[in-house]
Amino acid sequence: MARSLRGRLVVLLLLLIVAASAAAALMFGLFRQSAAAQAGQAQAEIGRACEAIQSAYQIFSMGGRGRSGGSTTDEISRQDLTAVVQAALKNRTGIEGGIRLGGDRRLAYAFPTYQGAGPKTDEPAAELPRIESVNREALDQGRPVLSRYDASSQILLIVACPLPGSVAGLTGWTMTRVFTFAGDSYRLLMGGIGVLLVAVLGAAALLTKLTLSWSRHVGRIEAALQAHEVSRLPILPVTGERELDRIVTALNDAGQRLALARLRADGLARQLATGERLAAIGRLAAGVAHEFRNPIAAMRLKAEGGIAGDAARKDQALSSILGQVDRLDDLLRRLLSVSPQEETHRVAVRLAPFLQACAAAHSELANAKGIAIESRVDSEAGEFDPNQMRSALDNLVVNAIQAAPANSVILLAAESDGASLTLSVHDDGDGPPEAIREHMFEPFVTSRADGVGLGLSIVSEVAGAHGGVARLAERGAGTTFEIVLPCRPS
């Protein structure tokens, strides 16, 4: 199945878009995996940070520090607990935390690595419900608890862990944020996708331009070729497309070679036609010489005998000479009729009466051999020159009478298929010998010793004058000669 260049370019463009979409999806997927890895690392970091608060508080409580070294929250200095949190988180970037009582009561808060203008001393109000919830859950379960809250651009991680010591209900907590679509990673992702988009758009524009350009050039070439004959290819202009111009150059070269070949072929055809005419003239001259030589020789003998004889022999010689002159005159008349000088006048002719009249004119000659002449038509009328066509059919009927066996039937027929009219003469004879069939429509070609060989040439000339053709048809037994005439539109 043939496939066009345009279709292939469109498929290439679609494949490029699919590949770009897949690359973009892969980039997003890798970025998501990177964000997930960051979140996992942050979880581990805040878990260790909470353990650091546990360890710092345990050291603090074992050292008996506080206002009175007591075992109640009133006896513990908030400033001391804040110092515990500060010490546990001072080297942990982006992590904030504190100590709470019963999950709801704040005792200490610190964010040592805060990047603001000054130290941050207040818990984040927006996350306070989540902080309280995590601390209560850790207090209830007696073990560290992690809570994760995913948003569109960040992940919030909170860890709470019970604090061991003499004061019951204390928990430490830590919190951090992982920004999934921010910072250098996000800008790198957007930059990569932007470059990919620009590349895809550029490639799409280039492919579209290439497709339209090639389609336009191919359309012009096709129109130029369709406007000229195959034997006269035009000189196609270059397109500016290197690969396409190679085809254009090849077509132009082929057109020039074809034109030269056509000129040479025309010259050879003229030479061949001239040779055929000369050959025909030679055959005609040979035939004329042969046909004229016998009457001339006979007249010479008669004239010589008349001169040497008496008056009666002279009268007989003159009478014989006049007969030979009539024979020569008839021969010249038939020779001139091979190329009719009068113009062909086509008229509408009723076929049935026309063929019946042609058959009746030869009925006496046919009856002498016991031959019947019949006619058959399947069309009411035809259009041709009746005088010329009558002359052609007369020659075919006379030939058929001479070739047909005794007590047979000769059939004159007219058949039309809408495009052509065929007039035919059929007899039961063997037809012309194979040796002369190739040239039997040329003048002076005959197989009979007493024949002149002009009858079929007259038939061929009449058919050609009507734009048709005379031929020997292959129709089984017997011999059928046809005159096929094209039907002209009314």
Protein backbone atom coordinates (compact mmCIF):
# COMPACT_ATOMS: atom_id res chain seq x y z
CA MET A 1 0.00 0.00 0.00
CA ALA A 2 1.39 3.37 -1.02
CA ARG A 3 2.10 5.87 1.71
CA SER A 4 2.52 9.62 1.18
CA LEU A 5 5.32 11.80 2.49
CA ARG A 6 2.73 14.07 4.11
CA GLY A 7 1.27 11.17 6.05
CA ARG A 8 4.71 10.08 7.23
CA LEU A 9 5.56 13.61 8.39
CA VAL A 10 2.27 13.82 10.30
CA VAL A 11 3.03 10.46 11.94
CA LEU A 12 6.52 11.75 12.81
CA LEU A 13 5.01 14.86 14.37
CA LEU A 14 2.60 12.77 16.43
CA LEU A 15 5.44 10.52 17.57
CA LEU A 16 7.42 13.60 18.58
CA ILE A 17 4.50 14.92 20.63
CA VAL A 18 4.04 11.52 22.28
CA ALA A 19 7.76 11.30 23.05
CA ALA A 20 7.76 14.83 24.52
CA SER A 21 4.71 14.03 26.65
CA ALA A 22 6.38 10.85 27.90
CA ALA A 23 9.57 12.78 28.70
CA ALA A 24 7.59 15.41 30.61
CA ALA A 25 5.74 12.69 32.53
CA LEU A 26 9.06 11.03 33.33
CA MET A 27 10.49 14.31 34.58
CA PHE A 28 7.47 14.82 36.84
CA GLY A 29 7.75 11.26 38.04
CA LEU A 30 11.43 11.66 38.87
CA PHE A 31 10.69 14.92 40.64
CA ARG A 32 7.96 13.22 42.66
CA GLN A 33 10.36 10.44 43.56
CA SER A 34 12.89 13.05 44.62
CA ALA A 35 10.25 14.75 46.77
CA ALA A 36 9.33 11.39 48.30
CA ALA A 37 12.99 10.76 49.09
CA GLN A 38 13.23 14.18 50.71
CA ALA A 39 10.13 13.44 52.73
CA GLY A 40 11.60 10.13 53.91
CA GLN A 41 14.84 11.83 54.90
CA ALA A 42 12.90 14.55 56.73
CA GLN A 43 10.90 11.91 58.62
CA ALA A 44 14.10 10.32 59.80
CA GLU A 45 15.53 13.73 60.77
CA ILE A 46 12.56 14.83 62.89
CA GLY A 47 12.41 11.37 64.49
CA ARG A 48 16.01 11.77 65.60
CA ALA A 49 15.29 15.35 66.66
CA CYS A 50 12.47 14.13 68.93
CA GLU A 51 14.81 11.51 70.37
CA ALA A 52 17.33 14.30 70.98
CA ILE A 53 14.68 16.20 72.99
CA GLN A 54 14.03 13.00 74.96
CA SER A 55 17.73 12.58 75.73
CA ALA A 56 18.24 16.25 76.63
CA TYR A 57 15.21 16.24 78.94
CA GLN A 58 16.37 12.99 80.58
CA ILE A 59 19.77 14.56 81.33
CA PHE A 60 18.05 17.68 82.52
CA SER A 61 15.76 15.77 84.92
CA MET A 62 18.54 13.49 86.20
CA GLY A 63 20.64 16.55 87.06
CA GLY A 64 17.91 17.88 89.36
CA ARG A 65 17.74 21.20 87.54
CA GLY A 66 14.70 23.48 88.11
CA ARG A 67 13.62 26.10 90.45
CA SER A 68 13.44 23.71 93.39
CA GLY A 69 14.45 20.43 91.77
CA GLY A 70 10.84 19.34 92.27
CA SER A 71 8.73 16.93 90.39
CA THR A 72 5.83 19.12 89.26
CA THR A 73 5.48 21.42 86.28
CA ASP A 74 5.21 24.36 88.60
CA GLU A 75 8.61 23.50 90.00
CA ILE A 76 10.14 23.28 86.45
CA SER A 77 11.33 26.47 84.87
CA ARG A 78 9.87 27.09 81.39
CA GLN A 79 13.11 28.83 80.57
CA ASP A 80 15.03 25.68 81.42
CA LEU A 81 12.76 23.53 79.24
CA THR A 82 13.14 25.97 76.36
CA ALA A 83 16.88 25.70 76.80
CA VAL A 84 16.54 21.89 76.61
CA VAL A 85 14.68 22.18 73.28
CA GLN A 86 17.16 24.79 72.02
CA ALA A 87 20.08 22.48 72.80
CA ALA A 88 18.43 19.48 71.12
CA LEU A 89 17.52 21.35 67.89
CA LYS A 90 20.33 23.87 67.51
CA ASN A 91 22.08 21.97 64.68
CA ARG A 92 18.95 20.62 62.95
CA THR A 93 18.09 22.93 60.05
CA GLY A 94 14.44 23.57 59.37
CA ILE A 95 13.19 21.67 62.45
CA GLU A 96 11.18 23.31 65.17
CA GLY A 97 9.79 21.71 68.31
CA GLY A 98 8.80 21.95 71.92
CA ILE A 99 7.52 20.28 75.09
CA ARG A 100 3.85 19.99 76.01
CA LEU A 101 1.91 18.77 79.01
CA GLY A 102 -1.04 16.48 78.39
CA GLY A 103 -0.78 17.32 74.73
CA ASP A 104 -2.67 20.61 75.11
CA ARG A 105 -0.51 22.77 77.38
CA ARG A 106 2.60 24.39 76.05
CA LEU A 107 5.65 24.35 78.28
CA ALA A 108 8.46 25.12 75.83
CA TYR A 109 9.03 26.01 72.17
CA ALA A 110 12.13 26.65 70.10
CA PHE A 111 13.16 27.06 66.45
CA PRO A 112 16.91 27.60 66.60
CA THR A 113 17.49 27.55 62.79
CA TYR A 114 14.68 29.94 61.93
CA GLN A 115 15.75 32.22 59.01
CA GLY A 116 13.68 35.26 60.04
CA ALA A 117 14.82 38.65 61.33
CA GLY A 118 14.85 37.45 64.94
CA PRO A 119 14.30 34.31 67.07
CA LYS A 120 10.89 32.67 66.70
CA THR A 121 9.25 32.11 70.08
CA ASP A 122 5.63 31.31 69.21
CA GLU A 123 4.25 28.03 68.02
CA PRO A 124 2.74 28.16 64.50
CA ALA A 125 -0.92 28.92 65.07
CA ALA A 126 -2.06 27.29 61.82
CA GLU A 127 -0.60 23.93 62.78
CA LEU A 128 -1.45 24.11 66.51
CA PRO A 129 -4.46 21.71 66.30
CA ARG A 130 -2.33 19.13 64.50
CA ILE A 131 0.49 19.55 67.03
CA GLU A 132 -1.91 19.00 69.93
CA SER A 133 -3.48 15.99 68.24
CA VAL A 134 -0.12 14.28 67.63
CA ASN A 135 1.05 14.91 71.21
CA ARG A 136 -2.16 13.49 72.70
CA GLU A 137 -1.86 10.41 70.48
CA ALA A 138 1.77 9.85 71.56
CA LEU A 139 0.79 10.29 75.21
CA ASP A 140 -2.07 7.80 74.85
CA GLN A 141 0.02 5.17 73.04
CA GLY A 142 3.15 5.72 75.08
CA ARG A 143 5.39 5.70 72.03
CA PRO A 144 6.55 8.11 69.31
CA VAL A 145 3.89 8.98 66.71
CA LEU A 146 4.44 10.45 63.22
CA SER A 147 1.79 12.44 61.36
CA ARG A 148 2.10 13.48 57.73
CA TYR A 149 -0.02 16.11 55.99
CA ASP A 150 0.37 16.42 52.18
CA ALA A 151 -0.48 19.72 50.50
CA SER A 152 -0.14 20.83 46.86
CA SER A 153 3.29 22.39 47.31
CA GLN A 154 4.61 20.98 50.59
CA ILE A 155 4.51 18.06 53.03
CA LEU A 156 4.08 18.79 56.75
CA LEU A 157 5.72 16.24 59.12
CA ILE A 158 5.12 16.18 62.91
CA VAL A 159 6.59 13.70 65.41
CA ALA A 160 5.63 13.50 69.09
CA CYS A 161 7.31 11.27 71.72
CA PRO A 162 6.70 10.75 75.46
CA LEU A 163 9.33 12.25 77.79
CA PRO A 164 10.56 10.00 80.64
CA GLY A 165 11.00 11.50 84.08
CA SER A 166 9.34 12.36 87.36
CA VAL A 167 6.72 14.58 85.74
CA ALA A 168 3.94 12.59 84.10
CA GLY A 169 2.14 13.66 80.88
CA LEU A 170 5.10 15.36 79.19
CA THR A 171 5.70 14.93 75.46
CA GLY A 172 8.25 16.38 73.12
CA TRP A 173 7.47 17.18 69.54
CA THR A 174 9.29 18.21 66.38
CA MET A 175 8.01 19.52 63.07
CA THR A 176 9.41 20.29 59.59
CA ARG A 177 8.18 21.06 56.09
CA VAL A 178 9.28 19.47 52.80
CA PHE A 179 8.59 21.79 49.87
CA THR A 180 7.85 19.64 46.79
CA PHE A 181 7.41 22.45 44.24
CA ALA A 182 9.70 25.18 45.36
CA GLY A 183 13.29 26.16 45.27
CA ASP A 184 15.98 25.14 42.83
CA SER A 185 14.46 21.72 42.10
CA TYR A 186 11.17 23.25 41.03
CA ARG A 187 12.88 25.86 38.88
CA LEU A 188 15.03 23.14 37.29
CA LEU A 189 11.95 21.07 36.55
CA MET A 190 10.09 24.00 35.01
CA GLY A 191 13.16 24.98 33.01
CA GLY A 192 13.55 21.47 31.61
CA ILE A 193 9.87 21.26 30.70
CA GLY A 194 10.09 24.72 29.10
CA VAL A 195 13.07 23.69 26.97
CA LEU A 196 11.25 20.50 25.99
CA LEU A 197 8.13 22.46 25.05
CA VAL A 198 10.12 24.93 22.95
CA ALA A 199 11.90 22.05 21.18
CA VAL A 200 8.60 20.30 20.45
CA LEU A 201 6.98 23.49 19.16
CA GLY A 202 10.01 24.23 17.00
CA ALA A 203 10.07 20.72 15.59
CA ALA A 204 6.30 20.83 14.99
CA ALA A 205 6.60 24.17 13.18
CA LEU A 206 9.49 22.85 11.07
CA LEU A 207 7.66 19.65 10.17
CA THR A 208 4.47 21.57 9.37
CA LYS A 209 6.37 23.97 7.14
CA LEU A 210 8.17 21.10 5.45
CA THR A 211 4.90 19.22 4.89
CA LEU A 212 3.12 22.25 3.43
CA SER A 213 6.13 23.20 1.30
CA TRP A 214 6.53 19.72 -0.17
CA SER A 215 2.78 19.40 -0.76
CA ARG A 216 2.73 22.75 -2.56
CA HIS A 217 5.74 21.91 -4.73
CA VAL A 218 4.44 18.43 -5.57
CA GLY A 219 1.04 19.93 -6.48
CA ARG A 220 2.69 22.40 -8.86
CA ILE A 221 4.75 19.67 -10.48
CA GLU A 222 1.67 17.47 -10.86
CA ALA A 223 -0.34 20.33 -12.40
CA ALA A 224 2.49 21.16 -14.82
CA LEU A 225 2.81 17.53 -15.93
CA GLN A 226 -0.95 17.08 -16.35
CA ALA A 227 -1.17 20.21 -18.52
CA HIS A 228 1.20 18.74 -21.15
CA GLU A 229 1.31 15.60 -23.24
CA VAL A 230 3.55 12.77 -22.13
CA SER A 231 5.63 13.20 -25.26
CA ARG A 232 6.15 16.91 -24.55
CA LEU A 233 7.18 17.22 -20.91
CA PRO A 234 7.59 20.85 -19.74
CA ILE A 235 10.71 22.31 -18.18
CA LEU A 236 9.87 22.31 -14.47
CA PRO A 237 11.19 25.16 -12.27
CA VAL A 238 13.38 24.35 -9.29
CA THR A 239 11.70 24.38 -5.89
CA GLY A 240 14.57 25.22 -3.55
CA GLU A 241 14.23 21.84 -1.83
CA ARG A 242 17.47 19.96 -2.52
CA GLU A 243 16.03 16.45 -2.57
CA LEU A 244 12.95 17.49 -4.55
CA ASP A 245 15.08 19.45 -7.01
CA ARG A 246 17.00 16.27 -7.77
CA ILE A 247 13.72 14.72 -8.93
CA VAL A 248 12.84 17.88 -10.88
CA THR A 249 16.25 17.85 -12.58
CA ALA A 250 15.82 14.17 -13.45
CA LEU A 251 12.37 14.89 -14.93
CA ASN A 252 13.72 17.81 -16.96
CA ASP A 253 16.57 15.65 -18.29
CA ALA A 254 14.11 12.87 -19.09
CA GLY A 255 11.86 15.39 -20.90
CA GLN A 256 14.77 16.64 -23.01
CA ARG A 257 15.85 13.10 -23.86
CA LEU A 258 12.24 12.23 -24.69
CA ALA A 259 11.96 15.27 -26.95
CA LEU A 260 15.16 14.29 -28.77
CA ALA A 261 13.93 10.70 -29.05
CA ARG A 262 10.61 11.98 -30.41
CA LEU A 263 12.41 14.07 -33.02
CA ARG A 264 14.50 11.09 -34.04
CA ALA A 265 11.39 8.89 -34.10
CA ASP A 266 9.56 11.45 -36.28
CA GLY A 267 12.51 11.51 -38.65
CA LEU A 268 12.60 7.73 -38.81
CA ALA A 269 8.83 7.65 -39.32
CA ARG A 270 9.14 10.09 -42.22
CA GLN A 271 11.95 8.02 -43.68
CA LEU A 272 9.89 4.86 -43.22
CA ALA A 273 6.83 6.47 -44.80
CA THR A 274 8.96 7.66 -47.70
CA GLY A 275 10.41 4.18 -48.08
CA GLU A 276 6.96 2.63 -47.99
CA ARG A 277 5.71 5.09 -50.58
CA LEU A 278 8.69 4.37 -52.79
CA ALA A 279 8.12 0.64 -52.33
CA ALA A 280 4.44 1.08 -53.19
CA ILE A 281 5.37 3.14 -56.23
CA GLY A 282 7.82 0.43 -57.24
CA ARG A 283 5.20 -2.27 -56.87
CA LEU A 284 2.70 -0.07 -58.72
CA ALA A 285 5.15 0.60 -61.51
CA ALA A 286 5.98 -3.08 -61.77
CA GLY A 287 2.29 -3.97 -61.85
CA VAL A 288 1.50 -1.28 -64.42
CA ALA A 289 4.40 -2.40 -66.57
CA HIS A 290 3.26 -6.01 -66.32
CA GLU A 291 -0.38 -5.20 -67.07
CA PHE A 292 0.45 -2.84 -69.94
CA ARG A 293 3.08 -5.06 -71.54
CA ASN A 294 0.66 -7.80 -72.59
CA PRO A 295 -1.85 -5.52 -74.43
CA ILE A 296 0.99 -3.60 -76.06
CA ALA A 297 2.64 -6.82 -77.21
CA ALA A 298 -0.67 -8.06 -78.58
CA MET A 299 -1.26 -4.81 -80.45
CA ARG A 300 2.24 -4.95 -81.91
CA LEU A 301 1.68 -8.44 -83.22
CA LYS A 302 -1.71 -7.53 -84.67
CA ALA A 303 -0.31 -4.39 -86.30
CA GLU A 304 2.61 -6.32 -87.85
CA GLY A 305 0.21 -8.98 -89.13
CA GLY A 306 -2.16 -6.39 -90.55
CA ILE A 307 0.61 -4.59 -92.42
CA ALA A 308 1.74 -7.83 -94.07
CA GLY A 309 -1.77 -9.09 -94.84
CA ASP A 310 -4.70 -8.17 -97.01
CA ALA A 311 -7.52 -5.76 -96.27
CA ALA A 312 -9.49 -8.32 -94.27
CA ARG A 313 -6.51 -9.03 -92.02
CA LYS A 314 -5.96 -5.31 -91.63
CA ASP A 315 -9.58 -4.80 -90.53
CA GLN A 316 -9.27 -7.74 -88.11
CA ALA A 317 -6.01 -6.34 -86.77
CA LEU A 318 -7.50 -2.89 -86.28
CA SER A 319 -10.50 -4.38 -84.49
CA SER A 320 -8.19 -6.38 -82.20
CA ILE A 321 -6.06 -3.32 -81.57
CA LEU A 322 -9.17 -1.32 -80.61
CA GLY A 323 -10.10 -4.07 -78.16
CA GLN A 324 -6.68 -3.91 -76.55
CA VAL A 325 -7.01 -0.10 -76.38
CA ASP A 326 -10.33 -0.53 -74.57
CA ARG A 327 -8.61 -2.95 -72.21
CA LEU A 328 -5.86 -0.43 -71.50
CA ASP A 329 -8.42 2.34 -71.00
CA ASP A 330 -10.35 0.19 -68.52
CA LEU A 331 -7.11 -0.65 -66.73
CA LEU A 332 -6.21 3.05 -66.44
CA ARG A 333 -9.71 3.90 -65.23
CA ARG A 334 -9.56 1.27 -62.51
CA LEU A 335 -6.05 2.36 -61.58
CA LEU A 336 -7.15 5.97 -61.15
CA SER A 337 -10.12 4.84 -59.05
CA VAL A 338 -7.70 3.46 -56.43
CA SER A 339 -7.31 7.05 -55.12
CA PRO A 340 -10.69 8.70 -55.63
CA GLN A 341 -10.31 12.28 -56.70
CA GLU A 342 -13.85 13.28 -55.73
CA GLU A 343 -14.60 14.38 -52.17
CA THR A 344 -16.42 11.99 -49.85
CA HIS A 345 -20.00 13.15 -49.21
CA ARG A 346 -21.60 11.46 -46.23
CA VAL A 347 -25.37 11.17 -46.24
CA ALA A 348 -27.89 9.09 -44.33
CA VAL A 349 -28.49 5.83 -46.23
CA ARG A 350 -31.21 3.26 -45.56
CA LEU A 351 -29.22 0.07 -45.24
CA ALA A 352 -31.75 -2.59 -46.29
CA PRO A 353 -32.55 -1.11 -49.76
CA PHE A 354 -28.88 -0.23 -50.28
CA LEU A 355 -27.66 -3.80 -49.74
CA GLN A 356 -30.58 -5.27 -51.74
CA ALA A 357 -29.69 -3.05 -54.72
CA CYS A 358 -26.05 -4.09 -54.47
CA ALA A 359 -27.04 -7.79 -54.42
CA ALA A 360 -29.46 -7.36 -57.34
CA ALA A 361 -26.78 -5.79 -59.54
CA HIS A 362 -24.76 -9.02 -59.41
CA SER A 363 -27.56 -11.55 -59.39
CA GLU A 364 -27.12 -12.65 -63.05
CA LEU A 365 -23.37 -13.29 -62.58
CA ALA A 366 -24.10 -15.20 -59.36
CA ASN A 367 -26.95 -17.23 -60.88
CA ALA A 368 -24.61 -18.43 -63.62
CA LYS A 369 -22.67 -20.32 -60.90
CA GLY A 370 -25.78 -21.33 -58.97
CA ILE A 371 -24.94 -18.88 -56.19
CA ALA A 372 -27.56 -16.95 -54.21
CA ILE A 373 -26.90 -13.49 -52.78
CA GLU A 374 -28.73 -12.56 -49.56
CA SER A 375 -28.65 -9.48 -47.34
CA ARG A 376 -29.20 -8.90 -43.62
CA VAL A 377 -29.26 -5.73 -41.51
CA ASP A 378 -29.70 -5.01 -37.80
CA SER A 379 -29.76 -1.23 -38.08
CA GLU A 380 -32.12 0.97 -40.05
CA ALA A 381 -29.66 3.49 -41.50
CA GLY A 382 -25.99 4.42 -41.78
CA GLU A 383 -24.06 7.52 -42.81
CA PHE A 384 -21.57 7.28 -45.69
CA ASP A 385 -20.99 8.18 -49.36
CA PRO A 386 -23.30 5.74 -51.20
CA ASN A 387 -21.45 5.96 -54.54
CA GLN A 388 -18.02 5.21 -53.10
CA MET A 389 -19.38 2.55 -50.77
CA ARG A 390 -21.28 0.91 -53.66
CA SER A 391 -18.02 0.73 -55.64
CA ALA A 392 -16.25 -0.90 -52.67
CA LEU A 393 -19.04 -3.46 -52.08
CA ASP A 394 -19.20 -4.26 -55.82
CA ASN A 395 -15.55 -5.26 -55.75
CA LEU A 396 -16.09 -7.45 -52.66
CA VAL A 397 -19.18 -9.12 -54.17
CA VAL A 398 -17.41 -9.82 -57.50
CA ASN A 399 -14.47 -11.33 -55.60
CA ALA A 400 -16.87 -13.43 -53.51
CA ILE A 401 -18.66 -14.74 -56.65
CA GLN A 402 -15.33 -15.72 -58.15
CA ALA A 403 -14.14 -17.45 -54.94
CA ALA A 404 -17.37 -19.08 -53.72
CA PRO A 405 -18.14 -22.72 -54.62
CA ALA A 406 -21.18 -23.52 -56.77
CA ASN A 407 -24.60 -23.76 -55.13
CA SER A 408 -23.55 -21.69 -52.09
CA VAL A 409 -24.79 -18.44 -50.55
CA ILE A 410 -23.10 -15.05 -50.37
CA LEU A 411 -24.29 -12.88 -47.48
CA LEU A 412 -24.19 -9.08 -47.42
CA ALA A 413 -24.64 -7.80 -43.85
CA ALA A 414 -24.75 -4.51 -41.97
CA GLU A 415 -24.24 -4.45 -38.18
CA SER A 416 -23.98 -1.49 -35.78
CA ASP A 417 -22.90 -1.39 -32.13
CA GLY A 418 -23.55 2.33 -31.69
CA ALA A 419 -19.89 3.26 -32.09
CA SER A 420 -19.24 1.78 -35.53
CA LEU A 421 -21.04 0.41 -38.57
CA THR A 422 -19.71 -2.80 -40.15
CA LEU A 423 -20.56 -3.72 -43.75
CA SER A 424 -19.46 -7.28 -44.59
CA VAL A 425 -19.47 -9.75 -47.47
CA HIS A 426 -19.26 -13.46 -46.58
CA ASP A 427 -18.74 -16.43 -48.90
CA ASP A 428 -17.92 -20.11 -48.39
CA GLY A 429 -14.63 -19.98 -50.28
CA ASP A 430 -11.15 -20.54 -48.90
CA GLY A 431 -10.17 -16.88 -49.03
CA PRO A 432 -6.93 -15.36 -50.30
CA PRO A 433 -3.73 -17.42 -49.95
CA GLU A 434 -1.57 -16.84 -46.88
CA ALA A 435 1.28 -15.59 -49.06
CA ILE A 436 -0.56 -12.42 -50.13
CA ARG A 437 -2.69 -11.65 -47.08
CA GLU A 438 -0.17 -9.20 -45.63
CA HIS A 439 -0.27 -7.05 -48.82
CA MET A 440 -3.64 -7.95 -50.33
CA PHE A 441 -5.07 -4.41 -49.88
CA GLU A 442 -2.22 -2.91 -51.93
CA PRO A 443 -2.59 -2.27 -55.68
CA PHE A 444 -1.80 -5.10 -58.12
CA VAL A 445 -1.66 -7.78 -55.46
CA THR A 446 -3.72 -10.77 -56.61
CA SER A 447 -3.64 -14.54 -56.63
CA ARG A 448 -5.56 -14.97 -59.92
CA ALA A 449 -3.78 -15.16 -63.21
CA ASP A 450 -6.48 -13.08 -64.92
CA GLY A 451 -6.80 -10.57 -62.07
CA VAL A 452 -5.51 -7.02 -62.02
CA GLY A 453 -5.27 -6.73 -58.22
CA LEU A 454 -7.03 -3.37 -57.83
CA GLY A 455 -10.34 -4.42 -56.26
CA LEU A 456 -9.24 -4.71 -52.60
CA SER A 457 -7.09 -1.58 -52.88
CA ILE A 458 -10.24 0.32 -53.96
CA VAL A 459 -12.07 -1.13 -50.93
CA SER A 460 -9.23 -0.01 -48.61
CA GLU A 461 -9.15 3.52 -50.07
CA VAL A 462 -12.92 3.96 -49.72
CA ALA A 463 -12.83 2.75 -46.09
CA GLY A 464 -9.92 5.09 -45.30
CA ALA A 465 -11.72 8.05 -46.93
CA HIS A 466 -14.56 7.47 -44.44
CA GLY A 467 -12.16 7.25 -41.46
CA GLY A 468 -12.60 3.50 -41.26
CA VAL A 469 -10.70 0.34 -42.13
CA ALA A 470 -11.07 -2.66 -44.44
CA ARG A 471 -10.03 -6.05 -43.09
CA LEU A 472 -10.29 -9.79 -43.47
CA ALA A 473 -12.31 -11.05 -40.48
CA GLU A 474 -11.80 -14.39 -38.76
CA ARG A 475 -15.32 -15.81 -38.44
CA GLY A 476 -14.93 -19.57 -38.61
CA ALA A 477 -15.63 -21.32 -41.92
CA GLY A 478 -15.62 -19.35 -45.16
CA THR A 479 -14.28 -15.89 -45.92
CA THR A 480 -15.57 -12.55 -44.60
CA PHE A 481 -14.35 -9.14 -45.68
CA GLU A 482 -15.45 -6.18 -43.52
CA ILE A 483 -15.58 -2.43 -43.94
CA VAL A 484 -15.74 -0.87 -40.47
CA LEU A 485 -16.87 2.78 -40.37
CA PRO A 486 -16.97 4.97 -37.23
CA CYS A 487 -20.40 6.38 -36.42
CA ARG A 488 -20.36 10.17 -36.26
CA PRO A 489 -22.47 11.83 -33.52
CA SER A 490 -25.71 13.32 -34.79
